[in-house]
C-alpha atoms as a PDB file:
ATOM      1  CA  UNK A   1       8.809  12.627  12.933  1.00  0.00           C
ATOM      2  CA  UNK A   2       7.391  11.401  16.243  1.00  0.00           C
ATOM      3  CA  UNK A   3       4.011  10.991  14.552  1.00  0.00           C
ATOM      4  CA  UNK A   4       5.512   8.815  11.806  1.00  0.00           C
ATOM      5  CA  UNK A   5       7.320   6.683  14.392  1.00  0.00           C
ATOM      6  CA  UNK A   6       3.989   6.149  16.141  1.00  0.00           C
ATOM      7  CA  UNK A   7       2.430   5.211  12.774  1.00  0.00           C
ATOM      8  CA  UNK A   8       5.192   2.676  12.131  1.00  0.00           C
ATOM      9  CA  UNK A   9       4.617   1.161  15.579  1.00  0.00           C
ATOM     10  CA  UNK A  10       0.848   0.899  15.071  1.00  0.00           C
ATOM     11  CA  UNK A  11       1.275  -0.615  11.626  1.00  0.00           C
ATOM     12  CA  UNK A  12       3.741  -3.206  12.930  1.00  0.00           C
ATOM     13  CA  UNK A  13       1.279  -4.223  15.661  1.00  0.00           C
ATOM     14  CA  UNK A  14      -1.707  -4.382  13.325  1.00  0.00           C
ATOM     15  CA  UNK A  15      -2.247  -8.042  12.447  1.00  0.00           C
ATOM     16  CA  UNK A  16      -5.680  -7.519  10.838  1.00  0.00           C
ATOM     17  CA  UNK A  17      -4.322  -6.073   7.572  1.00  0.00           C
ATOM     18  CA  UNK A  18      -2.333  -8.624   5.521  1.00  0.00           C
ATOM     19  CA  UNK A  19       1.015  -7.782   3.947  1.00  0.00           C
ATOM     20  CA  UNK A  20       0.800  -6.789   0.280  1.00  0.00           C
ATOM     21  CA  UNK A  21       3.191  -9.220  -1.411  1.00  0.00           C
ATOM     22  CA  UNK A  22       5.613  -8.917   1.507  1.00  0.00           C
ATOM     23  CA  UNK A  23       5.177  -5.155   1.985  1.00  0.00           C
ATOM     24  CA  UNK A  24       3.510  -3.349   4.888  1.00  0.00           C
ATOM     25  CA  UNK A  25       2.880   0.314   5.584  1.00  0.00           C
ATOM     26  CA  UNK A  26       5.649   1.876   7.668  1.00  0.00           C
ATOM     27  CA  UNK A  27       8.477   0.448   5.534  1.00  0.00           C
ATOM     28  CA  UNK A  28      11.235   2.517   3.930  1.00  0.00           C
ATOM     29  CA  UNK A  29      11.769   2.580   0.135  1.00  0.00           C
ATOM     30  CA  UNK A  30      14.690   0.164   0.560  1.00  0.00           C
ATOM     31  CA  UNK A  31      12.466  -2.197   2.591  1.00  0.00           C
ATOM     32  CA  UNK A  32       9.828  -2.144  -0.148  1.00  0.00           C
ATOM     33  CA  UNK A  33      12.374  -3.000  -2.856  1.00  0.00           C
ATOM     34  CA  UNK A  34      13.864  -5.758  -0.691  1.00  0.00           C
ATOM     35  CA  UNK A  35      10.634  -7.378   0.551  1.00  0.00           C
ATOM     36  CA  UNK A  36       8.311  -7.029  -2.450  1.00  0.00           C
ATOM     37  CA  UNK A  37       7.878 -10.593  -3.712  1.00  0.00           C
ATOM     38  CA  UNK A  38       7.144  -9.896  -7.382  1.00  0.00           C
ATOM     39  CA  UNK A  39       9.646  -9.460 -10.205  1.00  0.00           C
ATOM     40  CA  UNK A  40       9.794  -6.190 -12.123  1.00  0.00           C
ATOM     41  CA  UNK A  41      11.197  -2.663 -12.077  1.00  0.00           C
ATOM     42  CA  UNK A  42      10.773   0.280  -9.706  1.00  0.00           C
ATOM     43  CA  UNK A  43      10.788   3.907 -10.859  1.00  0.00           C
ATOM     44  CA  UNK A  44      10.974   6.774  -8.358  1.00  0.00           C
ATOM     45  CA  UNK A  45       8.932   9.977  -8.572  1.00  0.00           C
ATOM     46  CA  UNK A  46      10.076  12.412  -5.850  1.00  0.00           C
ATOM     47  CA  UNK A  47       7.796  15.302  -4.934  1.00  0.00           C
ATOM     48  CA  UNK A  48       8.786  17.424  -1.865  1.00  0.00           C
ATOM     49  CA  UNK A  49       8.012  15.496   1.367  1.00  0.00           C
ATOM     50  CA  UNK A  50       5.996  12.971  -0.608  1.00  0.00           C
ATOM     51  CA  UNK A  51       7.706  10.348  -2.728  1.00  0.00           C
ATOM     52  CA  UNK A  52       6.267   7.699  -5.050  1.00  0.00           C
ATOM     53  CA  UNK A  53       7.738   4.504  -6.399  1.00  0.00           C
ATOM     54  CA  UNK A  54       5.958   2.922  -9.323  1.00  0.00           C
ATOM     55  CA  UNK A  55       6.335  -0.786  -9.908  1.00  0.00           C
ATOM     56  CA  UNK A  56       6.079  -2.305 -13.371  1.00  0.00           C
ATOM     57  CA  UNK A  57       5.886  -6.109 -13.234  1.00  0.00           C
ATOM     58  CA  UNK A  58       7.363  -8.637 -15.575  1.00  0.00           C
ATOM     59  CA  UNK A  59       4.962 -10.509 -17.863  1.00  0.00           C
ATOM     60  CA  UNK A  60       2.507 -13.018 -16.385  1.00  0.00           C
ATOM     61  CA  UNK A  61       2.383 -11.328 -12.986  1.00  0.00           C
ATOM     62  CA  UNK A  62      -0.874 -11.143 -11.035  1.00  0.00           C
ATOM     63  CA  UNK A  63       0.168  -7.607 -10.022  1.00  0.00           C
ATOM     64  CA  UNK A  64      -0.634  -5.495 -13.072  1.00  0.00           C
ATOM     65  CA  UNK A  65       0.768  -2.301 -11.539  1.00  0.00           C
ATOM     66  CA  UNK A  66       1.566  -0.899  -8.114  1.00  0.00           C
ATOM     67  CA  UNK A  67       2.421   2.505  -6.686  1.00  0.00           C
ATOM     68  CA  UNK A  68       4.008   2.901  -3.263  1.00  0.00           C
ATOM     69  CA  UNK A  69       3.597   6.350  -1.689  1.00  0.00           C
ATOM     70  CA  UNK A  70       5.922   7.650   1.013  1.00  0.00           C
ATOM     71  CA  UNK A  71       5.716  10.611   3.388  1.00  0.00           C
ATOM     72  CA  UNK A  72       8.954  11.651   5.113  1.00  0.00           C
ATOM     73  CA  UNK A  73      10.547   8.373   3.999  1.00  0.00           C
ATOM     74  CA  UNK A  74       7.826   6.082   5.393  1.00  0.00           C
ATOM     75  CA  UNK A  75       5.406   4.026   3.279  1.00  0.00           C
ATOM     76  CA  UNK A  76       1.916   5.444   3.871  1.00  0.00           C
ATOM     77  CA  UNK A  77      -0.060   4.191   0.849  1.00  0.00           C
ATOM     78  CA  UNK A  78      -0.175   1.300  -1.581  1.00  0.00           C
ATOM     79  CA  UNK A  79      -2.251   1.479  -4.744  1.00  0.00           C
ATOM     80  CA  UNK A  80      -2.348  -1.506  -7.054  1.00  0.00           C
ATOM     81  CA  UNK A  81      -4.146  -3.195  -9.894  1.00  0.00           C
ATOM     82  CA  UNK A  82      -4.357  -6.958  -9.546  1.00  0.00           C
ATOM     83  CA  UNK A  83      -5.754  -9.822 -11.534  1.00  0.00           C
ATOM     84  CA  UNK A  84      -8.730 -11.430  -9.754  1.00  0.00           C
ATOM     85  CA  UNK A  85      -6.706 -14.618  -9.093  1.00  0.00           C
ATOM     86  CA  UNK A  86      -4.049 -12.747  -7.060  1.00  0.00           C
ATOM     87  CA  UNK A  87      -4.161 -13.883  -3.417  1.00  0.00           C
ATOM     88  CA  UNK A  88      -4.309 -10.273  -2.153  1.00  0.00           C
ATOM     89  CA  UNK A  89      -7.353  -9.600  -4.371  1.00  0.00           C
ATOM     90  CA  UNK A  90      -9.391 -12.000  -2.242  1.00  0.00           C
ATOM     91  CA  UNK A  91     -11.023 -11.050   1.020  1.00  0.00           C
ATOM     92  CA  UNK A  92     -13.360  -8.383   2.324  1.00  0.00           C
ATOM     93  CA  UNK A  93     -13.870  -5.273   0.228  1.00  0.00           C
ATOM     94  CA  UNK A  94     -12.902  -3.020   3.154  1.00  0.00           C
ATOM     95  CA  UNK A  95     -10.767  -3.737   6.219  1.00  0.00           C
ATOM     96  CA  UNK A  96     -10.341  -1.013   8.831  1.00  0.00           C
ATOM     97  CA  UNK A  97      -8.009  -0.851  11.796  1.00  0.00           C
ATOM     98  CA  UNK A  98      -6.791   1.968  14.030  1.00  0.00           C
ATOM     99  CA  UNK A  99      -3.891   2.691  11.682  1.00  0.00           C
ATOM    100  CA  UNK A 100      -4.887   1.441   8.216  1.00  0.00           C
ATOM    101  CA  UNK A 101      -7.728   1.292   5.709  1.00  0.00           C
ATOM    102  CA  UNK A 102      -7.576  -1.402   3.033  1.00  0.00           C
ATOM    103  CA  UNK A 103     -10.151  -1.070   0.266  1.00  0.00           C
ATOM    104  CA  UNK A 104     -10.646  -3.363  -2.724  1.00  0.00           C
ATOM    105  CA  UNK A 105     -12.709  -2.333  -5.756  1.00  0.00           C
ATOM    106  CA  UNK A 106     -13.648  -5.301  -7.889  1.00  0.00           C
ATOM    107  CA  UNK A 107     -14.255  -5.347 -11.634  1.00  0.00           C
ATOM    108  CA  UNK A 108     -14.647  -8.424 -13.863  1.00  0.00           C
ATOM    109  CA  UNK A 109     -11.053  -8.280 -15.143  1.00  0.00           C
ATOM    110  CA  UNK A 110      -9.194  -6.690 -12.203  1.00  0.00           C
ATOM    111  CA  UNK A 111      -9.193  -5.632  -8.578  1.00  0.00           C
ATOM    112  CA  UNK A 112      -8.029  -2.158  -7.557  1.00  0.00           C
ATOM    113  CA  UNK A 113      -6.442  -1.909  -4.101  1.00  0.00           C
ATOM    114  CA  UNK A 114      -5.993   1.194  -1.950  1.00  0.00           C
ATOM    115  CA  UNK A 115      -4.209   0.687   1.371  1.00  0.00           C
ATOM    116  CA  UNK A 116      -3.788   3.942   3.296  1.00  0.00           C
ATOM    117  CA  UNK A 117      -2.362   5.045   6.623  1.00  0.00           C
ATOM    118  CA  UNK A 118      -5.135   6.807   8.523  1.00  0.00           C
ATOM    119  CA  UNK A 119      -2.640   8.943  10.463  1.00  0.00           C
ATOM    120  CA  UNK A 120      -0.805  10.332   7.428  1.00  0.00           C
ATOM    121  CA  UNK A 121      -1.600  14.018   6.887  1.00  0.00           C
ATOM    122  CA  UNK A 122      -1.509  13.538   3.100  1.00  0.00           C
ATOM    123  CA  UNK A 123      -3.904  10.568   3.058  1.00  0.00           C
ATOM    124  CA  UNK A 124      -6.071  11.107   6.144  1.00  0.00           C
ATOM    125  CA  UNK A 125      -9.145  12.577   4.399  1.00  0.00           C
ATOM    126  CA  UNK A 126      -9.128   9.911   1.668  1.00  0.00           C
ATOM    127  CA  UNK A 127      -8.693   7.108   4.232  1.00  0.00           C
ATOM    128  CA  UNK A 128     -11.633   8.381   6.267  1.00  0.00           C
ATOM    129  CA  UNK A 129     -13.813   8.569   3.119  1.00  0.00           C
ATOM    130  CA  UNK A 130     -13.027   4.904   2.443  1.00  0.00           C
ATOM    131  CA  UNK A 131     -14.038   4.008   6.008  1.00  0.00           C
ATOM    132  CA  UNK A 132     -17.503   5.486   5.379  1.00  0.00           C
END
């Protein structure tokens, strides 16, 4: 738990990585539902210490789909499909900070986003692969 508190602190102090439609790593599931700025429905998928919330947008959204992954109740990963005209789809392909890796994979019709906490035991290896 101390490790996750440290992660939340680092994420809060990390100005390099932009918020994903009002959501930042370190939030609780309630925070994500409250602060996410797109309209649609959330569906929960619990799995032991890890927990996922899938977001299905309403029509005409620039967010095609999004999955929010939690570890011990703290948001540690965001995975999303965006239309190329979404504001979050723009920017560098990879942004790296002490606490977070943000990676964008571009295709002609969409942009896939992976934002991972580097200190999360579940996502650490994947985050470090994205850094390389």
